[in-house]
Amino acid sequence: MLTWRQGSPERVRAVNPETYVTPAAPPFLLEHGALDAVVPVGISIGRAARLEQAIGRDRVELVLLEGAGHAGPEFETPQNVQLVLDFLDRWLK
């Protein structure tokens, strides 16, 4: 059985969201649980770096939630919800 990495390069490119990032992309807020056992934290770190190259460091925010796993309750704390709302206010007002 082939893994997605061994498949067609065209298909891999087509499903990679980074393929569609242009300098006109909106600002990004990326949050990732530092203890995520499902999706490696390096995925978000790399994605943030590539977004910074495309749209600028000032338009990308990466938050690594200490102690959080994949979709843990740390994402729903009042402090984190406020962080998300502040990000939206900063870019949508």
PDB file of N, CA and C in Angstrom:
ATOM      1  N   MET A   1       0.839  -1.182   0.000  1.00  0.00           N
ATOM      2  CA  MET A   1       0.000   0.000   0.000  1.00  0.00           C
ATOM      3  C   MET A   1       0.889   1.252   0.000  1.00  0.00           C
ATOM      4  N   LEU A   2       0.565   2.184  -0.859  1.00  0.00           N
ATOM      5  CA  LEU A   2       1.307   3.437  -0.932  1.00  0.00           C
ATOM      6  C   LEU A   2       0.818   4.416   0.125  1.00  0.00           C
ATOM      7  N   THR A   3       1.744   5.162   0.696  1.00  0.00           N
ATOM      8  CA  THR A   3       1.338   6.258   1.582  1.00  0.00           C
ATOM      9  C   THR A   3       1.157   7.495   0.729  1.00  0.00           C
ATOM     10  N   TRP A   4       0.567   8.541   1.300  1.00  0.00           N
ATOM     11  CA  TRP A   4       0.333   9.764   0.523  1.00  0.00           C
ATOM     12  C   TRP A   4       1.642  10.367   0.038  1.00  0.00           C
ATOM     13  N   ARG A   5       2.722  10.184   0.783  1.00  0.00           N
ATOM     14  CA  ARG A   5       4.013  10.745   0.368  1.00  0.00           C
ATOM     15  C   ARG A   5       4.604  10.011  -0.836  1.00  0.00           C
ATOM     16  N   GLN A   6       4.197   8.769  -1.032  1.00  0.00           N
ATOM     17  CA  GLN A   6       4.715   7.990  -2.151  1.00  0.00           C
ATOM     18  C   GLN A   6       3.858   8.117  -3.403  1.00  0.00           C
ATOM     19  N   GLY A   7       2.718   8.762  -3.286  1.00  0.00           N
ATOM     20  CA  GLY A   7       1.802   8.898  -4.406  1.00  0.00           C
ATOM     21  C   GLY A   7       2.290   9.918  -5.412  1.00  0.00           C
ATOM     22  N   SER A   8       1.432  10.242  -6.313  1.00  0.00           N
ATOM     23  CA  SER A   8       1.713  11.188  -7.377  1.00  0.00           C
ATOM     24  C   SER A   8       2.061  12.571  -6.815  1.00  0.00           C
ATOM     25  N   PRO A   9       3.180  13.157  -7.225  1.00  0.00           N
ATOM     26  CA  PRO A   9       3.531  14.508  -6.762  1.00  0.00           C
ATOM     27  C   PRO A   9       2.443  15.532  -7.076  1.00  0.00           C
ATOM     28  N   GLU A  10       1.750  15.344  -8.185  1.00  0.00           N
ATOM     29  CA  GLU A  10       0.683  16.280  -8.541  1.00  0.00           C
ATOM     30  C   GLU A  10      -0.471  16.199  -7.544  1.00  0.00           C
ATOM     31  N   ARG A  11      -0.797  14.998  -7.131  1.00  0.00           N
ATOM     32  CA  ARG A  11      -1.876  14.834  -6.154  1.00  0.00           C
ATOM     33  C   ARG A  11      -1.472  15.373  -4.792  1.00  0.00           C
ATOM     34  N   VAL A  12      -0.236  15.113  -4.402  1.00  0.00           N
ATOM     35  CA  VAL A  12       0.251  15.636  -3.126  1.00  0.00           C
ATOM     36  C   VAL A  12       0.181  17.155  -3.136  1.00  0.00           C
ATOM     37  N   ARG A  13       0.630  17.760  -4.221  1.00  0.00           N
ATOM     38  CA  ARG A  13       0.578  19.222  -4.340  1.00  0.00           C
ATOM     39  C   ARG A  13      -0.860  19.731  -4.303  1.00  0.00           C
ATOM     40  N   ALA A  14      -1.764  19.025  -4.948  1.00  0.00           N
ATOM     41  CA  ALA A  14      -3.161  19.461  -5.012  1.00  0.00           C
ATOM     42  C   ALA A  14      -3.835  19.463  -3.648  1.00  0.00           C
ATOM     43  N   VAL A  15      -3.470  18.548  -2.759  1.00  0.00           N
ATOM     44  CA  VAL A  15      -4.125  18.478  -1.453  1.00  0.00           C
ATOM     45  C   VAL A  15      -3.383  19.249  -0.366  1.00  0.00           C
ATOM     46  N   ASN A  16      -2.216  19.761  -0.685  1.00  0.00           N
ATOM     47  CA  ASN A  16      -1.443  20.530   0.292  1.00  0.00           C
ATOM     48  C   ASN A  16      -1.969  21.963   0.338  1.00  0.00           C
ATOM     49  N   PRO A  17      -2.491  22.420   1.481  1.00  0.00           N
ATOM     50  CA  PRO A  17      -3.030  23.780   1.544  1.00  0.00           C
ATOM     51  C   PRO A  17      -1.994  24.855   1.245  1.00  0.00           C
ATOM     52  N   GLU A  18      -0.731  24.568   1.465  1.00  0.00           N
ATOM     53  CA  GLU A  18       0.312  25.554   1.195  1.00  0.00           C
ATOM     54  C   GLU A  18       0.433  25.867  -0.292  1.00  0.00           C
ATOM     55  N   THR A  19      -0.043  24.983  -1.132  1.00  0.00           N
ATOM     56  CA  THR A  19      -0.028  25.191  -2.579  1.00  0.00           C
ATOM     57  C   THR A  19      -0.788  26.458  -2.951  1.00  0.00           C
ATOM     58  N   TYR A  20      -1.792  26.797  -2.175  1.00  0.00           N
ATOM     59  CA  TYR A  20      -2.720  27.863  -2.543  1.00  0.00           C
ATOM     60  C   TYR A  20      -2.440  29.186  -1.824  1.00  0.00           C
ATOM     61  N   VAL A  21      -1.349  29.253  -1.092  1.00  0.00           N
ATOM     62  CA  VAL A  21      -0.990  30.491  -0.392  1.00  0.00           C
ATOM     63  C   VAL A  21      -0.273  31.417  -1.356  1.00  0.00           C
ATOM     64  N   THR A  22      -0.763  32.638  -1.422  1.00  0.00           N
ATOM     65  CA  THR A  22      -0.137  33.674  -2.238  1.00  0.00           C
ATOM     66  C   THR A  22       0.111  34.886  -1.348  1.00  0.00           C
ATOM     67  N   PRO A  23       0.866  35.860  -1.823  1.00  0.00           N
ATOM     68  CA  PRO A  23       1.069  37.075  -1.029  1.00  0.00           C
ATOM     69  C   PRO A  23      -0.240  37.800  -0.694  1.00  0.00           C
ATOM     70  N   ALA A  24      -1.316  37.494  -1.399  1.00  0.00           N
ATOM     71  CA  ALA A  24      -2.611  38.120  -1.135  1.00  0.00           C
ATOM     72  C   ALA A  24      -3.418  37.370  -0.067  1.00  0.00           C
ATOM     73  N   ALA A  25      -2.868  36.309   0.495  1.00  0.00           N
ATOM     74  CA  ALA A  25      -3.588  35.524   1.504  1.00  0.00           C
ATOM     75  C   ALA A  25      -3.856  36.371   2.746  1.00  0.00           C
ATOM     76  N   PRO A  26      -4.910  36.045   3.474  1.00  0.00           N
ATOM     77  CA  PRO A  26      -5.223  36.787   4.699  1.00  0.00           C
ATOM     78  C   PRO A  26      -4.244  36.422   5.810  1.00  0.00           C
ATOM     79  N   PRO A  27      -4.253  37.175   6.892  1.00  0.00           N
ATOM     80  CA  PRO A  27      -3.441  36.811   8.055  1.00  0.00           C
ATOM     81  C   PRO A  27      -3.868  35.443   8.600  1.00  0.00           C
ATOM     82  N   PHE A  28      -2.920  34.757   9.221  1.00  0.00           N
ATOM     83  CA  PHE A  28      -3.170  33.423   9.764  1.00  0.00           C
ATOM     84  C   PHE A  28      -2.867  33.379  11.246  1.00  0.00           C
ATOM     85  N   LEU A  29      -3.745  32.722  11.989  1.00  0.00           N
ATOM     86  CA  LEU A  29      -3.496  32.342  13.374  1.00  0.00           C
ATOM     87  C   LEU A  29      -3.475  30.824  13.393  1.00  0.00           C
ATOM     88  N   LEU A  30      -2.347  30.263  13.745  1.00  0.00           N
ATOM     89  CA  LEU A  30      -2.195  28.810  13.855  1.00  0.00           C
ATOM     90  C   LEU A  30      -2.041  28.455  15.327  1.00  0.00           C
ATOM     91  N   GLU A  31      -2.824  27.508  15.790  1.00  0.00           N
ATOM     92  CA  GLU A  31      -2.683  27.018  17.151  1.00  0.00           C
ATOM     93  C   GLU A  31      -2.437  25.515  17.096  1.00  0.00           C
ATOM     94  N   HIS A  32      -1.543  25.068  17.952  1.00  0.00           N
ATOM     95  CA  HIS A  32      -1.190  23.640  17.952  1.00  0.00           C
ATOM     96  C   HIS A  32      -0.876  23.235  19.384  1.00  0.00           C
ATOM     97  N   GLY A  33      -1.420  22.096  19.793  1.00  0.00           N
ATOM     98  CA  GLY A  33      -1.089  21.557  21.107  1.00  0.00           C
ATOM     99  C   GLY A  33       0.343  21.069  21.129  1.00  0.00           C
ATOM    100  N   ALA A  34       1.105  21.533  22.096  1.00  0.00           N
ATOM    101  CA  ALA A  34       2.523  21.162  22.180  1.00  0.00           C
ATOM    102  C   ALA A  34       2.706  19.666  22.415  1.00  0.00           C
ATOM    103  N   LEU A  35       1.697  19.005  22.966  1.00  0.00           N
ATOM    104  CA  LEU A  35       1.779  17.564  23.231  1.00  0.00           C
ATOM    105  C   LEU A  35       0.914  16.751  22.275  1.00  0.00           C
ATOM    106  N   ASP A  36       0.600  17.299  21.128  1.00  0.00           N
ATOM    107  CA  ASP A  36      -0.251  16.627  20.142  1.00  0.00           C
ATOM    108  C   ASP A  36       0.414  15.331  19.685  1.00  0.00           C
ATOM    109  N   ALA A  37      -0.265  14.217  19.921  1.00  0.00           N
ATOM    110  CA  ALA A  37       0.257  12.912  19.510  1.00  0.00           C
ATOM    111  C   ALA A  37      -0.335  12.460  18.175  1.00  0.00           C
ATOM    112  N   VAL A  38      -1.232  13.264  17.594  1.00  0.00           N
ATOM    113  CA  VAL A  38      -1.876  12.907  16.330  1.00  0.00           C
ATOM    114  C   VAL A  38      -1.189  13.608  15.159  1.00  0.00           C
ATOM    115  N   VAL A  39      -0.997  14.908  15.278  1.00  0.00           N
ATOM    116  CA  VAL A  39      -0.343  15.705  14.235  1.00  0.00           C
ATOM    117  C   VAL A  39       0.932  16.289  14.843  1.00  0.00           C
ATOM    118  N   PRO A  40       2.097  15.960  14.310  1.00  0.00           N
ATOM    119  CA  PRO A  40       3.340  16.475  14.876  1.00  0.00           C
ATOM    120  C   PRO A  40       3.362  18.001  14.886  1.00  0.00           C
ATOM    121  N   VAL A  41       3.837  18.562  15.984  1.00  0.00           N
ATOM    122  CA  VAL A  41       3.883  20.020  16.130  1.00  0.00           C
ATOM    123  C   VAL A  41       4.752  20.662  15.052  1.00  0.00           C
ATOM    124  N   GLY A  42       5.708  19.922  14.544  1.00  0.00           N
ATOM    125  CA  GLY A  42       6.568  20.440  13.483  1.00  0.00           C
ATOM    126  C   GLY A  42       5.800  20.819  12.223  1.00  0.00           C
ATOM    127  N   ILE A  43       4.646  20.199  12.010  1.00  0.00           N
ATOM    128  CA  ILE A  43       3.816  20.548  10.854  1.00  0.00           C
ATOM    129  C   ILE A  43       3.413  22.019  10.938  1.00  0.00           C
ATOM    130  N   SER A  44       2.916  22.432  12.091  1.00  0.00           N
ATOM    131  CA  SER A  44       2.493  23.830  12.248  1.00  0.00           C
ATOM    132  C   SER A  44       3.675  24.784  12.270  1.00  0.00           C
ATOM    133  N   ILE A  45       4.780  24.363  12.846  1.00  0.00           N
ATOM    134  CA  ILE A  45       5.969  25.220  12.865  1.00  0.00           C
ATOM    135  C   ILE A  45       6.451  25.459  11.432  1.00  0.00           C
ATOM    136  N   GLY A  46       6.521  24.405  10.652  1.00  0.00           N
ATOM    137  CA  GLY A  46       6.928  24.551   9.250  1.00  0.00           C
ATOM    138  C   GLY A  46       5.937  25.353   8.436  1.00  0.00           C
ATOM    139  N   ARG A  47       4.654  25.104   8.671  1.00  0.00           N
ATOM    140  CA  ARG A  47       3.623  25.840   7.932  1.00  0.00           C
ATOM    141  C   ARG A  47       3.700  27.333   8.256  1.00  0.00           C
ATOM    142  N   ALA A  48       3.895  27.663   9.519  1.00  0.00           N
ATOM    143  CA  ALA A  48       4.009  29.068   9.901  1.00  0.00           C
ATOM    144  C   ALA A  48       5.214  29.718   9.217  1.00  0.00           C
ATOM    145  N   ALA A  49       6.318  29.008   9.147  1.00  0.00           N
ATOM    146  CA  ALA A  49       7.518  29.555   8.495  1.00  0.00           C
ATOM    147  C   ALA A  49       7.260  29.808   7.013  1.00  0.00           C
ATOM    148  N   ARG A  50       6.584  28.879   6.360  1.00  0.00           N
ATOM    149  CA  ARG A  50       6.304  29.065   4.933  1.00  0.00           C
ATOM    150  C   ARG A  50       5.284  30.179   4.705  1.00  0.00           C
ATOM    151  N   LEU A  51       4.316  30.298   5.594  1.00  0.00           N
ATOM    152  CA  LEU A  51       3.368  31.403   5.491  1.00  0.00           C
ATOM    153  C   LEU A  51       4.072  32.744   5.681  1.00  0.00           C
ATOM    154  N   GLU A  52       4.980  32.803   6.640  1.00  0.00           N
ATOM    155  CA  GLU A  52       5.740  34.044   6.867  1.00  0.00           C
ATOM    156  C   GLU A  52       6.496  34.453   5.613  1.00  0.00           C
ATOM    157  N   GLN A  53       7.069  33.489   4.923  1.00  0.00           N
ATOM    158  CA  GLN A  53       7.787  33.791   3.679  1.00  0.00           C
ATOM    159  C   GLN A  53       6.849  34.356   2.626  1.00  0.00           C
ATOM    160  N   ALA A  54       5.625  33.848   2.583  1.00  0.00           N
ATOM    161  CA  ALA A  54       4.683  34.248   1.541  1.00  0.00           C
ATOM    162  C   ALA A  54       3.958  35.551   1.853  1.00  0.00           C
ATOM    163  N   ILE A  55       3.551  35.729   3.121  1.00  0.00           N
ATOM    164  CA  ILE A  55       2.700  36.885   3.427  1.00  0.00           C
ATOM    165  C   ILE A  55       3.288  37.846   4.444  1.00  0.00           C
ATOM    166  N   GLY A  56       4.444  37.505   5.017  1.00  0.00           N
ATOM    167  CA  GLY A  56       5.099  38.396   5.966  1.00  0.00           C
ATOM    168  C   GLY A  56       4.951  37.934   7.405  1.00  0.00           C
ATOM    169  N   ARG A  57       6.009  38.090   8.148  1.00  0.00           N
ATOM    170  CA  ARG A  57       6.059  37.653   9.550  1.00  0.00           C
ATOM    171  C   ARG A  57       4.984  38.332  10.404  1.00  0.00           C
ATOM    172  N   ASP A  58       4.681  39.587  10.098  1.00  0.00           N
ATOM    173  CA  ASP A  58       3.709  40.334  10.900  1.00  0.00           C
ATOM    174  C   ASP A  58       2.271  39.859  10.680  1.00  0.00           C
ATOM    175  N   ARG A  59       2.032  38.991   9.699  1.00  0.00           N
ATOM    176  CA  ARG A  59       0.679  38.527   9.396  1.00  0.00           C
ATOM    177  C   ARG A  59       0.448  37.067   9.776  1.00  0.00           C
ATOM    178  N   VAL A  60       1.420  36.475  10.482  1.00  0.00           N
ATOM    179  CA  VAL A  60       1.310  35.072  10.886  1.00  0.00           C
ATOM    180  C   VAL A  60       1.587  34.969  12.380  1.00  0.00           C
ATOM    181  N   GLU A  61       0.694  34.309  13.072  1.00  0.00           N
ATOM    182  CA  GLU A  61       0.867  34.091  14.501  1.00  0.00           C
ATOM    183  C   GLU A  61       0.740  32.596  14.784  1.00  0.00           C
ATOM    184  N   LEU A  62       1.768  32.039  15.405  1.00  0.00           N
ATOM    185  CA  LEU A  62       1.761  30.631  15.795  1.00  0.00           C
ATOM    186  C   LEU A  62       1.732  30.558  17.310  1.00  0.00           C
ATOM    187  N   VAL A  63       0.747  29.850  17.839  1.00  0.00           N
ATOM    188  CA  VAL A  63       0.615  29.659  19.278  1.00  0.00           C
ATOM    189  C   VAL A  63       0.720  28.168  19.562  1.00  0.00           C
ATOM    190  N   LEU A  64       1.722  27.799  20.341  1.00  0.00           N
ATOM    191  CA  LEU A  64       1.865  26.410  20.785  1.00  0.00           C
ATOM    192  C   LEU A  64       1.308  26.347  22.195  1.00  0.00           C
ATOM    193  N   LEU A  65       0.225  25.618  22.357  1.00  0.00           N
ATOM    194  CA  LEU A  65      -0.449  25.540  23.646  1.00  0.00           C
ATOM    195  C   LEU A  65       0.221  24.478  24.516  1.00  0.00           C
ATOM    196  N   GLU A  66       0.931  24.943  25.527  1.00  0.00           N
ATOM    197  CA  GLU A  66       1.651  24.050  26.434  1.00  0.00           C
ATOM    198  C   GLU A  66       0.667  23.122  27.138  1.00  0.00           C
ATOM    199  N   GLY A  67       1.025  21.866  27.217  1.00  0.00           N
ATOM    200  CA  GLY A  67       0.200  20.876  27.894  1.00  0.00           C
ATOM    201  C   GLY A  67      -0.983  20.371  27.089  1.00  0.00           C
ATOM    202  N   ALA A  68      -1.216  20.952  25.928  1.00  0.00           N
ATOM    203  CA  ALA A  68      -2.379  20.566  25.119  1.00  0.00           C
ATOM    204  C   ALA A  68      -2.028  19.430  24.175  1.00  0.00           C
ATOM    205  N   GLY A  69      -2.969  18.527  24.026  1.00  0.00           N
ATOM    206  CA  GLY A  69      -2.852  17.477  23.036  1.00  0.00           C
ATOM    207  C   GLY A  69      -3.587  17.894  21.775  1.00  0.00           C
ATOM    208  N   HIS A  70      -4.106  16.925  21.071  1.00  0.00           N
ATOM    209  CA  HIS A  70      -4.855  17.187  19.848  1.00  0.00           C
ATOM    210  C   HIS A  70      -6.293  17.545  20.230  1.00  0.00           C
ATOM    211  N   ALA A  71      -6.687  18.787  19.959  1.00  0.00           N
ATOM    212  CA  ALA A  71      -8.048  19.258  20.253  1.00  0.00           C
ATOM    213  C   ALA A  71      -8.379  19.140  21.738  1.00  0.00           C
ATOM    214  N   GLY A  72      -7.428  19.447  22.590  1.00  0.00           N
ATOM    215  CA  GLY A  72      -7.650  19.368  24.027  1.00  0.00           C
ATOM    216  C   GLY A  72      -8.443  20.547  24.554  1.00  0.00           C
ATOM    217  N   PRO A  73      -8.831  20.477  25.813  1.00  0.00           N
ATOM    218  CA  PRO A  73      -9.627  21.546  26.422  1.00  0.00           C
ATOM    219  C   PRO A  73      -8.868  22.870  26.525  1.00  0.00           C
ATOM    220  N   GLU A  74      -7.563  22.833  26.400  1.00  0.00           N
ATOM    221  CA  GLU A  74      -6.768  24.065  26.463  1.00  0.00           C
ATOM    222  C   GLU A  74      -7.147  25.046  25.353  1.00  0.00           C
ATOM    223  N   PHE A  75      -7.699  24.539  24.273  1.00  0.00           N
ATOM    224  CA  PHE A  75      -8.116  25.403  23.169  1.00  0.00           C
ATOM    225  C   PHE A  75      -9.372  26.203  23.524  1.00  0.00           C
ATOM    226  N   GLU A  76     -10.105  25.750  24.529  1.00  0.00           N
ATOM    227  CA  GLU A  76     -11.387  26.356  24.875  1.00  0.00           C
ATOM    228  C   GLU A  76     -11.340  27.200  26.139  1.00  0.00           C
ATOM    229  N   THR A  77     -10.161  27.427  26.691  1.00  0.00           N
ATOM    230  CA  THR A  77     -10.079  28.244  27.904  1.00  0.00           C
ATOM    231  C   THR A  77     -10.475  29.682  27.585  1.00  0.00           C
ATOM    232  N   PRO A  78     -10.966  30.407  28.579  1.00  0.00           N
ATOM    233  CA  PRO A  78     -11.304  31.814  28.340  1.00  0.00           C
ATOM    234  C   PRO A  78     -10.121  32.613  27.791  1.00  0.00           C
ATOM    235  N   GLN A  79      -8.920  32.314  28.264  1.00  0.00           N
ATOM    236  CA  GLN A  79      -7.739  33.035  27.789  1.00  0.00           C
ATOM    237  C   GLN A  79      -7.482  32.768  26.310  1.00  0.00           C
ATOM    238  N   ASN A  80      -7.636  31.520  25.898  1.00  0.00           N
ATOM    239  CA  ASN A  80      -7.376  31.206  24.496  1.00  0.00           C
ATOM    240  C   ASN A  80      -8.477  31.745  23.596  1.00  0.00           C
ATOM    241  N   VAL A  81      -9.712  31.661  24.047  1.00  0.00           N
ATOM    242  CA  VAL A  81     -10.809  32.233  23.258  1.00  0.00           C
ATOM    243  C   VAL A  81     -10.568  33.731  23.082  1.00  0.00           C
ATOM    244  N   GLN A  82     -10.117  34.405  24.137  1.00  0.00           N
ATOM    245  CA  GLN A  82      -9.830  35.841  24.024  1.00  0.00           C
ATOM    246  C   GLN A  82      -8.683  36.100  23.048  1.00  0.00           C
ATOM    247  N   LEU A  83      -7.678  35.236  23.048  1.00  0.00           N
ATOM    248  CA  LEU A  83      -6.574  35.375  22.103  1.00  0.00           C
ATOM    249  C   LEU A  83      -7.089  35.312  20.669  1.00  0.00           C
ATOM    250  N   VAL A  84      -7.990  34.377  20.394  1.00  0.00           N
ATOM    251  CA  VAL A  84      -8.559  34.241  19.052  1.00  0.00           C
ATOM    252  C   VAL A  84      -9.391  35.471  18.700  1.00  0.00           C
ATOM    253  N   LEU A  85     -10.220  35.919  19.634  1.00  0.00           N
ATOM    254  CA  LEU A  85     -11.043  37.112  19.390  1.00  0.00           C
ATOM    255  C   LEU A  85     -10.179  38.346  19.159  1.00  0.00           C
ATOM    256  N   ASP A  86      -9.096  38.479  19.923  1.00  0.00           N
ATOM    257  CA  ASP A  86      -8.188  39.611  19.730  1.00  0.00           C
ATOM    258  C   ASP A  86      -7.549  39.574  18.347  1.00  0.00           C
ATOM    259  N   PHE A  87      -7.164  38.388  17.898  1.00  0.00           N
ATOM    260  CA  PHE A  87      -6.599  38.242  16.559  1.00  0.00           C
ATOM    261  C   PHE A  87      -7.611  38.693  15.507  1.00  0.00           C
ATOM    262  N   LEU A  88      -8.837  38.216  15.640  1.00  0.00           N
ATOM    263  CA  LEU A  88      -9.879  38.603  14.681  1.00  0.00           C
ATOM    264  C   LEU A  88     -10.149  40.103  14.719  1.00  0.00           C
ATOM    265  N   ASP A  89     -10.212  40.663  15.910  1.00  0.00           N
ATOM    266  CA  ASP A  89     -10.427  42.120  16.037  1.00  0.00           C
ATOM    267  C   ASP A  89      -9.296  42.902  15.362  1.00  0.00           C
ATOM    268  N   ARG A  90      -8.076  42.450  15.562  1.00  0.00           N
ATOM    269  CA  ARG A  90      -6.909  43.144  15.006  1.00  0.00           C
ATOM    270  C   ARG A  90      -6.976  43.194  13.476  1.00  0.00           C
ATOM    271  N   TRP A  91      -7.471  42.129  12.868  1.00  0.00           N
ATOM    272  CA  TRP A  91      -7.427  42.062  11.402  1.00  0.00           C
ATOM    273  C   TRP A  91      -8.749  42.347  10.708  1.00  0.00           C
ATOM    274  N   LEU A  92      -9.850  42.297  11.441  1.00  0.00           N
ATOM    275  CA  LEU A  92     -11.147  42.491  10.799  1.00  0.00           C
ATOM    276  C   LEU A  92     -11.783  43.845  11.086  1.00  0.00           C
ATOM    277  N   LYS A  93     -11.243  44.591  12.015  1.00  0.00           N
ATOM    278  CA  LYS A  93     -11.809  45.914  12.314  1.00  0.00           C
ATOM    279  C   LYS A  93     -11.224  46.962  11.430  1.00  0.00           C
TER     280      LYS A  93
END
